[in-house]
Amino acid sequence: MAIFVIMNPHGISELKAMDDFELVEYNPYTATEEERSEYKKVNPHGTVPALVTSEGDIMIEGAAICLYLAQLYEKLLPDLQYEAQYYK
Protein backbone atom coordinates (compact mmCIF):
# COMPACT_ATOMS: atom_id res chain seq x y z
CA MET A 1 0.00 0.00 0.00
CA ALA A 2 1.26 3.48 -0.79
CA ILE A 3 -0.07 6.85 0.31
CA PHE A 4 0.94 9.99 -1.56
CA VAL A 5 0.97 13.17 0.52
CA ILE A 6 2.46 16.63 0.67
CA MET A 7 4.69 16.19 3.69
CA ASN A 8 3.49 18.10 6.70
CA PRO A 9 4.98 17.53 10.15
CA HIS A 10 1.55 17.86 11.77
CA GLY A 11 -0.68 14.81 11.65
CA ILE A 12 1.77 12.58 9.78
CA SER A 13 3.61 11.15 12.80
CA GLU A 14 1.06 8.34 13.33
CA LEU A 15 1.36 7.32 9.68
CA LYS A 16 5.17 7.37 9.75
CA ALA A 17 5.11 4.95 12.69
CA MET A 18 3.26 2.32 10.65
CA ASP A 19 5.62 0.24 8.58
CA ASP A 20 3.20 -1.74 6.45
CA PHE A 21 2.83 0.88 3.74
CA GLU A 22 4.97 3.29 1.81
CA LEU A 23 4.60 7.00 2.54
CA VAL A 24 5.43 8.86 -0.66
CA GLU A 25 6.10 12.58 -0.67
CA TYR A 26 4.62 14.25 -3.72
CA ASN A 27 4.17 17.99 -4.11
CA PRO A 28 2.40 19.00 -7.33
CA TYR A 29 3.74 22.54 -7.00
CA THR A 30 7.41 21.54 -7.02
CA ALA A 31 7.24 18.31 -9.03
CA THR A 32 9.09 17.99 -12.32
CA GLU A 33 7.17 17.19 -15.50
CA GLU A 34 8.38 13.60 -15.29
CA GLU A 35 7.17 13.28 -11.68
CA ARG A 36 3.80 14.80 -12.63
CA SER A 37 3.46 12.39 -15.53
CA GLU A 38 4.22 9.40 -13.28
CA TYR A 39 1.85 10.60 -10.57
CA LYS A 40 -1.01 11.10 -13.03
CA LYS A 41 -0.90 7.33 -13.53
CA VAL A 42 -1.99 7.11 -9.88
CA ASN A 43 -4.34 10.11 -9.87
CA PRO A 44 -5.32 11.59 -13.24
CA HIS A 45 -6.33 14.84 -11.50
CA GLY A 46 -2.77 15.26 -10.20
CA THR A 47 -3.97 16.24 -6.74
CA VAL A 48 -2.97 14.85 -3.35
CA PRO A 49 -3.64 12.88 -1.27
CA ALA A 50 -3.96 9.55 -3.03
CA LEU A 51 -3.90 6.05 -1.62
CA VAL A 52 -3.05 2.85 -3.48
CA THR A 53 -4.26 -0.11 -1.43
CA SER A 54 -2.46 -3.45 -1.28
CA GLU A 55 -5.25 -4.80 -3.51
CA GLY A 56 -4.42 -2.16 -6.14
CA ASP A 57 -7.48 0.02 -5.55
CA ILE A 58 -6.87 3.76 -5.75
CA MET A 59 -8.55 6.37 -3.54
CA ILE A 60 -8.18 10.07 -4.30
CA GLU A 61 -10.63 11.69 -1.87
CA GLY A 62 -9.17 12.79 1.45
CA ALA A 63 -12.24 11.90 3.53
CA ALA A 64 -12.45 8.41 2.02
CA ILE A 65 -8.74 7.86 2.69
CA CYS A 66 -9.14 8.97 6.32
CA LEU A 67 -12.08 6.62 6.86
CA TYR A 68 -10.27 3.73 5.17
CA LEU A 69 -7.13 4.19 7.29
CA ALA A 70 -9.15 4.68 10.48
CA GLN A 71 -11.01 1.43 9.90
CA LEU A 72 -7.85 -0.43 8.88
CA TYR A 73 -5.87 0.82 11.87
CA GLU A 74 -8.34 0.96 14.73
CA LYS A 75 -5.94 2.99 16.86
CA LEU A 76 -6.64 5.99 14.62
CA LEU A 77 -10.33 5.95 15.59
CA PRO A 78 -11.58 8.17 18.41
CA ASP A 79 -12.82 6.59 21.63
CA LEU A 80 -16.30 5.28 20.92
CA GLN A 81 -17.62 6.68 24.20
CA TYR A 82 -17.00 10.18 22.82
CA GLU A 83 -18.24 9.48 19.29
CA ALA A 84 -21.79 10.64 20.02
CA GLN A 85 -20.49 14.14 20.80
CA TYR A 86 -19.48 14.60 17.16
CA TYR A 87 -23.06 14.15 15.97
CA LYS A 88 -24.72 16.69 18.28
PDB file of N, CA and C in Angstrom:
ATOM      1  N   MET A   1       0.852  -1.169   0.000  1.00  0.00           N
ATOM      2  CA  MET A   1       0.000   0.000   0.000  1.00  0.00           C
ATOM      3  C   MET A   1       0.896   1.229   0.000  1.00  0.00           C
ATOM      4  N   ALA A   2       0.502   2.235  -0.731  1.00  0.00           N
ATOM      5  CA  ALA A   2       1.261   3.483  -0.787  1.00  0.00           C
ATOM      6  C   ALA A   2       0.303   4.644  -0.617  1.00  0.00           C
ATOM      7  N   ILE A   3       0.720   5.629   0.161  1.00  0.00           N
ATOM      8  CA  ILE A   3      -0.071   6.853   0.310  1.00  0.00           C
ATOM      9  C   ILE A   3       0.798   8.016  -0.139  1.00  0.00           C
ATOM     10  N   PHE A   4       0.237   8.838  -1.009  1.00  0.00           N
ATOM     11  CA  PHE A   4       0.936   9.989  -1.559  1.00  0.00           C
ATOM     12  C   PHE A   4       0.435  11.228  -0.850  1.00  0.00           C
ATOM     13  N   VAL A   5       1.350  11.989  -0.254  1.00  0.00           N
ATOM     14  CA  VAL A   5       0.975  13.170   0.517  1.00  0.00           C
ATOM     15  C   VAL A   5       1.970  14.288   0.271  1.00  0.00           C
ATOM     16  N   ILE A   6       1.530  15.520   0.523  1.00  0.00           N
ATOM     17  CA  ILE A   6       2.460  16.630   0.667  1.00  0.00           C
ATOM     18  C   ILE A   6       2.905  16.548   2.118  1.00  0.00           C
ATOM     19  N   MET A   7       4.196  16.404   2.339  1.00  0.00           N
ATOM     20  CA  MET A   7       4.690  16.189   3.692  1.00  0.00           C
ATOM     21  C   MET A   7       4.388  17.390   4.575  1.00  0.00           C
ATOM     22  N   ASN A   8       3.852  17.101   5.720  1.00  0.00           N
ATOM     23  CA  ASN A   8       3.489  18.101   6.700  1.00  0.00           C
ATOM     24  C   ASN A   8       3.811  17.487   8.061  1.00  0.00           C
ATOM     25  N   PRO A   9       4.601  18.142   8.874  1.00  0.00           N
ATOM     26  CA  PRO A   9       4.983  17.527  10.148  1.00  0.00           C
ATOM     27  C   PRO A   9       3.811  17.301  11.098  1.00  0.00           C
ATOM     28  N   HIS A  10       2.716  17.995  10.897  1.00  0.00           N
ATOM     29  CA  HIS A  10       1.551  17.861  11.770  1.00  0.00           C
ATOM     30  C   HIS A  10       0.617  16.791  11.221  1.00  0.00           C
ATOM     31  N   GLY A  11       0.286  15.813  12.047  1.00  0.00           N
ATOM     32  CA  GLY A  11      -0.683  14.807  11.645  1.00  0.00           C
ATOM     33  C   GLY A  11      -0.112  13.637  10.877  1.00  0.00           C
ATOM     34  N   ILE A  12       1.158  13.661  10.546  1.00  0.00           N
ATOM     35  CA  ILE A  12       1.769  12.578   9.783  1.00  0.00           C
ATOM     36  C   ILE A  12       2.504  11.598  10.692  1.00  0.00           C
ATOM     37  N   SER A  13       2.788  11.984  11.925  1.00  0.00           N
ATOM     38  CA  SER A  13       3.609  11.150  12.802  1.00  0.00           C
ATOM     39  C   SER A  13       3.014   9.761  13.015  1.00  0.00           C
ATOM     40  N   GLU A  14       1.701   9.651  13.155  1.00  0.00           N
ATOM     41  CA  GLU A  14       1.063   8.336  13.325  1.00  0.00           C
ATOM     42  C   GLU A  14       1.282   7.479  12.081  1.00  0.00           C
ATOM     43  N   LEU A  15       1.186   8.081  10.916  1.00  0.00           N
ATOM     44  CA  LEU A  15       1.362   7.316   9.683  1.00  0.00           C
ATOM     45  C   LEU A  15       2.809   6.870   9.502  1.00  0.00           C
ATOM     46  N   LYS A  16       3.760   7.731   9.871  1.00  0.00           N
ATOM     47  CA  LYS A  16       5.168   7.371   9.750  1.00  0.00           C
ATOM     48  C   LYS A  16       5.519   6.178  10.637  1.00  0.00           C
ATOM     49  N   ALA A  17       4.815   6.036  11.745  1.00  0.00           N
ATOM     50  CA  ALA A  17       5.108   4.955  12.688  1.00  0.00           C
ATOM     51  C   ALA A  17       4.642   3.593  12.173  1.00  0.00           C
ATOM     52  N   MET A  18       3.768   3.581  11.192  1.00  0.00           N
ATOM     53  CA  MET A  18       3.259   2.322  10.646  1.00  0.00           C
ATOM     54  C   MET A  18       4.150   1.892   9.493  1.00  0.00           C
ATOM     55  N   ASP A  19       4.641   0.671   9.576  1.00  0.00           N
ATOM     56  CA  ASP A  19       5.624   0.242   8.584  1.00  0.00           C
ATOM     57  C   ASP A  19       5.059  -0.676   7.508  1.00  0.00           C
ATOM     58  N   ASP A  20       3.746  -0.825   7.440  1.00  0.00           N
ATOM     59  CA  ASP A  20       3.197  -1.735   6.448  1.00  0.00           C
ATOM     60  C   ASP A  20       2.698  -1.030   5.186  1.00  0.00           C
ATOM     61  N   PHE A  21       3.069   0.214   5.012  1.00  0.00           N
ATOM     62  CA  PHE A  21       2.827   0.876   3.740  1.00  0.00           C
ATOM     63  C   PHE A  21       3.892   1.925   3.477  1.00  0.00           C
ATOM     64  N   GLU A  22       3.957   2.322   2.240  1.00  0.00           N
ATOM     65  CA  GLU A  22       4.966   3.291   1.808  1.00  0.00           C
ATOM     66  C   GLU A  22       4.360   4.693   1.829  1.00  0.00           C
ATOM     67  N   LEU A  23       5.021   5.602   2.507  1.00  0.00           N
ATOM     68  CA  LEU A  23       4.602   6.998   2.541  1.00  0.00           C
ATOM     69  C   LEU A  23       5.419   7.737   1.491  1.00  0.00           C
ATOM     70  N   VAL A  24       4.754   8.241   0.465  1.00  0.00           N
ATOM     71  CA  VAL A  24       5.434   8.860  -0.663  1.00  0.00           C
ATOM     72  C   VAL A  24       5.174  10.356  -0.642  1.00  0.00           C
ATOM     73  N   GLU A  25       6.244  11.128  -0.622  1.00  0.00           N
ATOM     74  CA  GLU A  25       6.096  12.580  -0.674  1.00  0.00           C
ATOM     75  C   GLU A  25       5.929  12.996  -2.125  1.00  0.00           C
ATOM     76  N   TYR A  26       4.850  13.717  -2.387  1.00  0.00           N
ATOM     77  CA  TYR A  26       4.624  14.253  -3.722  1.00  0.00           C
ATOM     78  C   TYR A  26       4.033  15.641  -3.561  1.00  0.00           C
ATOM     79  N   ASN A  27       4.663  16.622  -4.158  1.00  0.00           N
ATOM     80  CA  ASN A  27       4.170  17.990  -4.112  1.00  0.00           C
ATOM     81  C   ASN A  27       3.938  18.450  -5.548  1.00  0.00           C
ATOM     82  N   PRO A  28       2.680  18.616  -5.945  1.00  0.00           N
ATOM     83  CA  PRO A  28       2.400  18.997  -7.334  1.00  0.00           C
ATOM     84  C   PRO A  28       2.949  20.372  -7.716  1.00  0.00           C
ATOM     85  N   TYR A  29       3.243  21.191  -6.722  1.00  0.00           N
ATOM     86  CA  TYR A  29       3.739  22.538  -7.001  1.00  0.00           C
ATOM     87  C   TYR A  29       5.237  22.565  -7.296  1.00  0.00           C
ATOM     88  N   THR A  30       5.957  21.568  -6.800  1.00  0.00           N
ATOM     89  CA  THR A  30       7.406  21.537  -7.017  1.00  0.00           C
ATOM     90  C   THR A  30       7.848  20.346  -7.861  1.00  0.00           C
ATOM     91  N   ALA A  31       6.905  19.512  -8.269  1.00  0.00           N
ATOM     92  CA  ALA A  31       7.243  18.311  -9.033  1.00  0.00           C
ATOM     93  C   ALA A  31       7.734  18.658 -10.436  1.00  0.00           C
ATOM     94  N   THR A  32       8.631  17.834 -10.938  1.00  0.00           N
ATOM     95  CA  THR A  32       9.088  17.985 -12.321  1.00  0.00           C
ATOM     96  C   THR A  32       8.012  17.428 -13.253  1.00  0.00           C
ATOM     97  N   GLU A  33       8.129  17.712 -14.533  1.00  0.00           N
ATOM     98  CA  GLU A  33       7.166  17.190 -15.503  1.00  0.00           C
ATOM     99  C   GLU A  33       7.143  15.666 -15.493  1.00  0.00           C
ATOM    100  N   GLU A  34       8.304  15.056 -15.335  1.00  0.00           N
ATOM    101  CA  GLU A  34       8.384  13.597 -15.293  1.00  0.00           C
ATOM    102  C   GLU A  34       7.655  13.055 -14.056  1.00  0.00           C
ATOM    103  N   GLU A  35       7.852  13.702 -12.906  1.00  0.00           N
ATOM    104  CA  GLU A  35       7.165  13.280 -11.676  1.00  0.00           C
ATOM    105  C   GLU A  35       5.654  13.459 -11.815  1.00  0.00           C
ATOM    106  N   ARG A  36       5.228  14.567 -12.419  1.00  0.00           N
ATOM    107  CA  ARG A  36       3.797  14.798 -12.626  1.00  0.00           C
ATOM    108  C   ARG A  36       3.197  13.728 -13.533  1.00  0.00           C
ATOM    109  N   SER A  37       3.917  13.403 -14.594  1.00  0.00           N
ATOM    110  CA  SER A  37       3.455  12.391 -15.527  1.00  0.00           C
ATOM    111  C   SER A  37       3.310  11.029 -14.841  1.00  0.00           C
ATOM    112  N   GLU A  38       4.274  10.660 -14.011  1.00  0.00           N
ATOM    113  CA  GLU A  38       4.218   9.396 -13.280  1.00  0.00           C
ATOM    114  C   GLU A  38       3.062   9.406 -12.278  1.00  0.00           C
ATOM    115  N   TYR A  39       2.895  10.526 -11.579  1.00  0.00           N
ATOM    116  CA  TYR A  39       1.852  10.595 -10.567  1.00  0.00           C
ATOM    117  C   TYR A  39       0.461  10.553 -11.194  1.00  0.00           C
ATOM    118  N   LYS A  40       0.302  11.112 -12.372  1.00  0.00           N
ATOM    119  CA  LYS A  40      -1.006  11.100 -13.025  1.00  0.00           C
ATOM    120  C   LYS A  40      -1.443   9.686 -13.400  1.00  0.00           C
ATOM    121  N   LYS A  41      -0.516   8.735 -13.363  1.00  0.00           N
ATOM    122  CA  LYS A  41      -0.895   7.326 -13.528  1.00  0.00           C
ATOM    123  C   LYS A  41      -1.628   6.838 -12.282  1.00  0.00           C
ATOM    124  N   VAL A  42      -1.319   7.441 -11.129  1.00  0.00           N
ATOM    125  CA  VAL A  42      -1.991   7.115  -9.875  1.00  0.00           C
ATOM    126  C   VAL A  42      -3.281   7.923  -9.766  1.00  0.00           C
ATOM    127  N   ASN A  43      -3.190   9.222  -9.977  1.00  0.00           N
ATOM    128  CA  ASN A  43      -4.343  10.113  -9.873  1.00  0.00           C
ATOM    129  C   ASN A  43      -4.369  11.038 -11.087  1.00  0.00           C
ATOM    130  N   PRO A  44      -5.256  10.779 -12.023  1.00  0.00           N
ATOM    131  CA  PRO A  44      -5.317  11.592 -13.243  1.00  0.00           C
ATOM    132  C   PRO A  44      -5.541  13.081 -12.990  1.00  0.00           C
ATOM    133  N   HIS A  45      -6.115  13.426 -11.829  1.00  0.00           N
ATOM    134  CA  HIS A  45      -6.327  14.837 -11.497  1.00  0.00           C
ATOM    135  C   HIS A  45      -5.028  15.512 -11.054  1.00  0.00           C
ATOM    136  N   GLY A  46      -4.056  14.712 -10.637  1.00  0.00           N
ATOM    137  CA  GLY A  46      -2.773  15.261 -10.202  1.00  0.00           C
ATOM    138  C   GLY A  46      -2.790  15.878  -8.815  1.00  0.00           C
ATOM    139  N   THR A  47      -3.861  15.658  -8.076  1.00  0.00           N
ATOM    140  CA  THR A  47      -3.972  16.244  -6.745  1.00  0.00           C
ATOM    141  C   THR A  47      -3.580  15.228  -5.669  1.00  0.00           C
ATOM    142  N   VAL A  48      -3.281  15.722  -4.492  1.00  0.00           N
ATOM    143  CA  VAL A  48      -2.975  14.854  -3.352  1.00  0.00           C
ATOM    144  C   VAL A  48      -4.006  15.117  -2.263  1.00  0.00           C
ATOM    145  N   PRO A  49      -4.299  14.164  -1.419  1.00  0.00           N
ATOM    146  CA  PRO A  49      -3.636  12.878  -1.269  1.00  0.00           C
ATOM    147  C   PRO A  49      -4.183  11.843  -2.237  1.00  0.00           C
ATOM    148  N   ALA A  50      -3.499  10.733  -2.305  1.00  0.00           N
ATOM    149  CA  ALA A  50      -3.963   9.551  -3.033  1.00  0.00           C
ATOM    150  C   ALA A  50      -3.474   8.332  -2.260  1.00  0.00           C
ATOM    151  N   LEU A  51      -4.253   7.278  -2.312  1.00  0.00           N
ATOM    152  CA  LEU A  51      -3.897   6.046  -1.619  1.00  0.00           C
ATOM    153  C   LEU A  51      -4.040   4.889  -2.596  1.00  0.00           C
ATOM    154  N   VAL A  52      -2.995   4.081  -2.701  1.00  0.00           N
ATOM    155  CA  VAL A  52      -3.048   2.853  -3.485  1.00  0.00           C
ATOM    156  C   VAL A  52      -3.048   1.718  -2.470  1.00  0.00           C
ATOM    157  N   THR A  53      -4.145   0.965  -2.411  1.00  0.00           N
ATOM    158  CA  THR A  53      -4.257  -0.113  -1.435  1.00  0.00           C
ATOM    159  C   THR A  53      -3.422  -1.310  -1.872  1.00  0.00           C
ATOM    160  N   SER A  54      -3.224  -2.244  -0.949  1.00  0.00           N
ATOM    161  CA  SER A  54      -2.460  -3.451  -1.279  1.00  0.00           C
ATOM    162  C   SER A  54      -3.181  -4.303  -2.317  1.00  0.00           C
ATOM    163  N   GLU A  55      -4.491  -4.093  -2.480  1.00  0.00           N
ATOM    164  CA  GLU A  55      -5.255  -4.797  -3.514  1.00  0.00           C
ATOM    165  C   GLU A  55      -5.178  -4.090  -4.863  1.00  0.00           C
ATOM    166  N   GLY A  56      -4.559  -2.913  -4.895  1.00  0.00           N
ATOM    167  CA  GLY A  56      -4.424  -2.164  -6.136  1.00  0.00           C
ATOM    168  C   GLY A  56      -5.502  -1.130  -6.369  1.00  0.00           C
ATOM    169  N   ASP A  57      -6.444  -1.013  -5.432  1.00  0.00           N
ATOM    170  CA  ASP A  57      -7.477   0.020  -5.551  1.00  0.00           C
ATOM    171  C   ASP A  57      -6.850   1.381  -5.278  1.00  0.00           C
ATOM    172  N   ILE A  58      -7.395   2.406  -5.920  1.00  0.00           N
ATOM    173  CA  ILE A  58      -6.873   3.761  -5.752  1.00  0.00           C
ATOM    174  C   ILE A  58      -7.970   4.658  -5.187  1.00  0.00           C
ATOM    175  N   MET A  59      -7.629   5.391  -4.131  1.00  0.00           N
ATOM    176  CA  MET A  59      -8.546   6.373  -3.535  1.00  0.00           C
ATOM    177  C   MET A  59      -7.909   7.743  -3.691  1.00  0.00           C
ATOM    178  N   ILE A  60      -8.722   8.726  -4.095  1.00  0.00           N
ATOM    179  CA  ILE A  60      -8.176  10.067  -4.295  1.00  0.00           C
ATOM    180  C   ILE A  60      -8.925  11.138  -3.505  1.00  0.00           C
ATOM    181  N   GLU A  61      -9.893  10.742  -2.708  1.00  0.00           N
ATOM    182  CA  GLU A  61     -10.631  11.688  -1.873  1.00  0.00           C
ATOM    183  C   GLU A  61     -10.116  11.610  -0.445  1.00  0.00           C
ATOM    184  N   GLY A  62      -9.738  12.748   0.120  1.00  0.00           N
ATOM    185  CA  GLY A  62      -9.166  12.795   1.454  1.00  0.00           C
ATOM    186  C   GLY A  62     -10.044  12.167   2.528  1.00  0.00           C
ATOM    187  N   ALA A  63     -11.342  12.445   2.504  1.00  0.00           N
ATOM    188  CA  ALA A  63     -12.241  11.897   3.529  1.00  0.00           C
ATOM    189  C   ALA A  63     -12.323  10.378   3.423  1.00  0.00           C
ATOM    190  N   ALA A  64     -12.392   9.861   2.218  1.00  0.00           N
ATOM    191  CA  ALA A  64     -12.448   8.406   2.021  1.00  0.00           C
ATOM    192  C   ALA A  64     -11.162   7.748   2.499  1.00  0.00           C
ATOM    193  N   ILE A  65     -10.032   8.390   2.240  1.00  0.00           N
ATOM    194  CA  ILE A  65      -8.740   7.860   2.688  1.00  0.00           C
ATOM    195  C   ILE A  65      -8.682   7.836   4.214  1.00  0.00           C
ATOM    196  N   CYS A  66      -9.136   8.909   4.848  1.00  0.00           N
ATOM    197  CA  CYS A  66      -9.139   8.969   6.315  1.00  0.00           C
ATOM    198  C   CYS A  66     -10.007   7.870   6.902  1.00  0.00           C
ATOM    199  N   LEU A  67     -11.197   7.670   6.363  1.00  0.00           N
ATOM    200  CA  LEU A  67     -12.078   6.619   6.860  1.00  0.00           C
ATOM    201  C   LEU A  67     -11.474   5.236   6.641  1.00  0.00           C
ATOM    202  N   TYR A  68     -10.894   5.019   5.478  1.00  0.00           N
ATOM    203  CA  TYR A  68     -10.269   3.725   5.170  1.00  0.00           C
ATOM    204  C   TYR A  68      -9.143   3.429   6.155  1.00  0.00           C
ATOM    205  N   LEU A  69      -8.256   4.397   6.373  1.00  0.00           N
ATOM    206  CA  LEU A  69      -7.134   4.192   7.285  1.00  0.00           C
ATOM    207  C   LEU A  69      -7.606   4.025   8.725  1.00  0.00           C
ATOM    208  N   ALA A  70      -8.629   4.785   9.122  1.00  0.00           N
ATOM    209  CA  ALA A  70      -9.149   4.685  10.484  1.00  0.00           C
ATOM    210  C   ALA A  70      -9.745   3.306  10.732  1.00  0.00           C
ATOM    211  N   GLN A  71     -10.431   2.756   9.740  1.00  0.00           N
ATOM    212  CA  GLN A  71     -11.007   1.426   9.902  1.00  0.00           C
ATOM    213  C   GLN A  71      -9.935   0.346   9.847  1.00  0.00           C
ATOM    214  N   LEU A  72      -8.934   0.542   9.013  1.00  0.00           N
ATOM    215  CA  LEU A  72      -7.854  -0.431   8.878  1.00  0.00           C
ATOM    216  C   LEU A  72      -6.990  -0.478  10.134  1.00  0.00           C
ATOM    217  N   TYR A  73      -6.689   0.704  10.665  1.00  0.00           N
ATOM    218  CA  TYR A  73      -5.867   0.819  11.873  1.00  0.00           C
ATOM    219  C   TYR A  73      -6.745   1.376  12.977  1.00  0.00           C
ATOM    220  N   GLU A  74      -7.354   0.524  13.739  1.00  0.00           N
ATOM    221  CA  GLU A  74      -8.336   0.958  14.730  1.00  0.00           C
ATOM    222  C   GLU A  74      -7.793   1.976  15.719  1.00  0.00           C
ATOM    223  N   LYS A  75      -6.473   2.026  15.899  1.00  0.00           N
ATOM    224  CA  LYS A  75      -5.939   2.986  16.861  1.00  0.00           C
ATOM    225  C   LYS A  75      -6.071   4.432  16.383  1.00  0.00           C
ATOM    226  N   LEU A  76      -6.426   4.634  15.123  1.00  0.00           N
ATOM    227  CA  LEU A  76      -6.638   5.993  14.622  1.00  0.00           C
ATOM    228  C   LEU A  76      -8.065   6.478  14.876  1.00  0.00           C
ATOM    229  N   LEU A  77      -8.943   5.579  15.308  1.00  0.00           N
ATOM    230  CA  LEU A  77     -10.327   5.952  15.587  1.00  0.00           C
ATOM    231  C   LEU A  77     -10.435   6.633  16.950  1.00  0.00           C
ATOM    232  N   PRO A  78     -11.375   7.559  17.098  1.00  0.00           N
ATOM    233  CA  PRO A  78     -11.579   8.166  18.415  1.00  0.00           C
ATOM    234  C   PRO A  78     -12.218   7.155  19.361  1.00  0.00           C
ATOM    235  N   ASP A  79     -12.137   7.427  20.659  1.00  0.00           N
ATOM    236  CA  ASP A  79     -12.817   6.590  21.634  1.00  0.00           C
ATOM    237  C   ASP A  79     -14.307   6.574  21.323  1.00  0.00           C
ATOM    238  N   LEU A  80     -14.888   5.385  21.267  1.00  0.00           N
ATOM    239  CA  LEU A  80     -16.303   5.281  20.924  1.00  0.00           C
ATOM    240  C   LEU A  80     -17.207   5.953  21.944  1.00  0.00           C
ATOM    241  N   GLN A  81     -16.781   6.042  23.187  1.00  0.00           N
ATOM    242  CA  GLN A  81     -17.621   6.683  24.201  1.00  0.00           C
ATOM    243  C   GLN A  81     -17.803   8.174  23.916  1.00  0.00           C
ATOM    244  N   TYR A  82     -16.897   8.760  23.154  1.00  0.00           N
ATOM    245  CA  TYR A  82     -17.003  10.176  22.821  1.00  0.00           C
ATOM    246  C   TYR A  82     -17.570  10.410  21.421  1.00  0.00           C
ATOM    247  N   GLU A  83     -17.789   9.348  20.672  1.00  0.00           N
ATOM    248  CA  GLU A  83     -18.237   9.480  19.291  1.00  0.00           C
ATOM    249  C   GLU A  83     -19.562  10.227  19.177  1.00  0.00           C
ATOM    250  N   ALA A  84     -20.487   9.998  20.076  1.00  0.00           N
ATOM    251  CA  ALA A  84     -21.792  10.641  20.018  1.00  0.00           C
ATOM    252  C   ALA A  84     -21.688  12.155  20.063  1.00  0.00           C
ATOM    253  N   GLN A  85     -20.676  12.687  20.708  1.00  0.00           N
ATOM    254  CA  GLN A  85     -20.495  14.139  20.804  1.00  0.00           C
ATOM    255  C   GLN A  85     -20.312  14.776  19.434  1.00  0.00           C
ATOM    256  N   TYR A  86     -19.735  14.035  18.487  1.00  0.00           N
ATOM    257  CA  TYR A  86     -19.483  14.596  17.161  1.00  0.00           C
ATOM    258  C   TYR A  86     -20.766  14.784  16.354  1.00  0.00           C
ATOM    259  N   TYR A  87     -21.826  14.101  16.744  1.00  0.00           N
ATOM    260  CA  TYR A  87     -23.063  14.154  15.968  1.00  0.00           C
ATOM    261  C   TYR A  87     -24.089  15.087  16.563  1.00  0.00           C
ATOM    262  N   LYS A  88     -23.759  15.763  17.650  1.00  0.00           N
ATOM    263  CA  LYS A  88     -24.724  16.691  18.281  1.00  0.00           C
ATOM    264  C   LYS A  88     -24.633  18.053  17.678  1.00  0.00           C
TER     265      LYS A  88
END
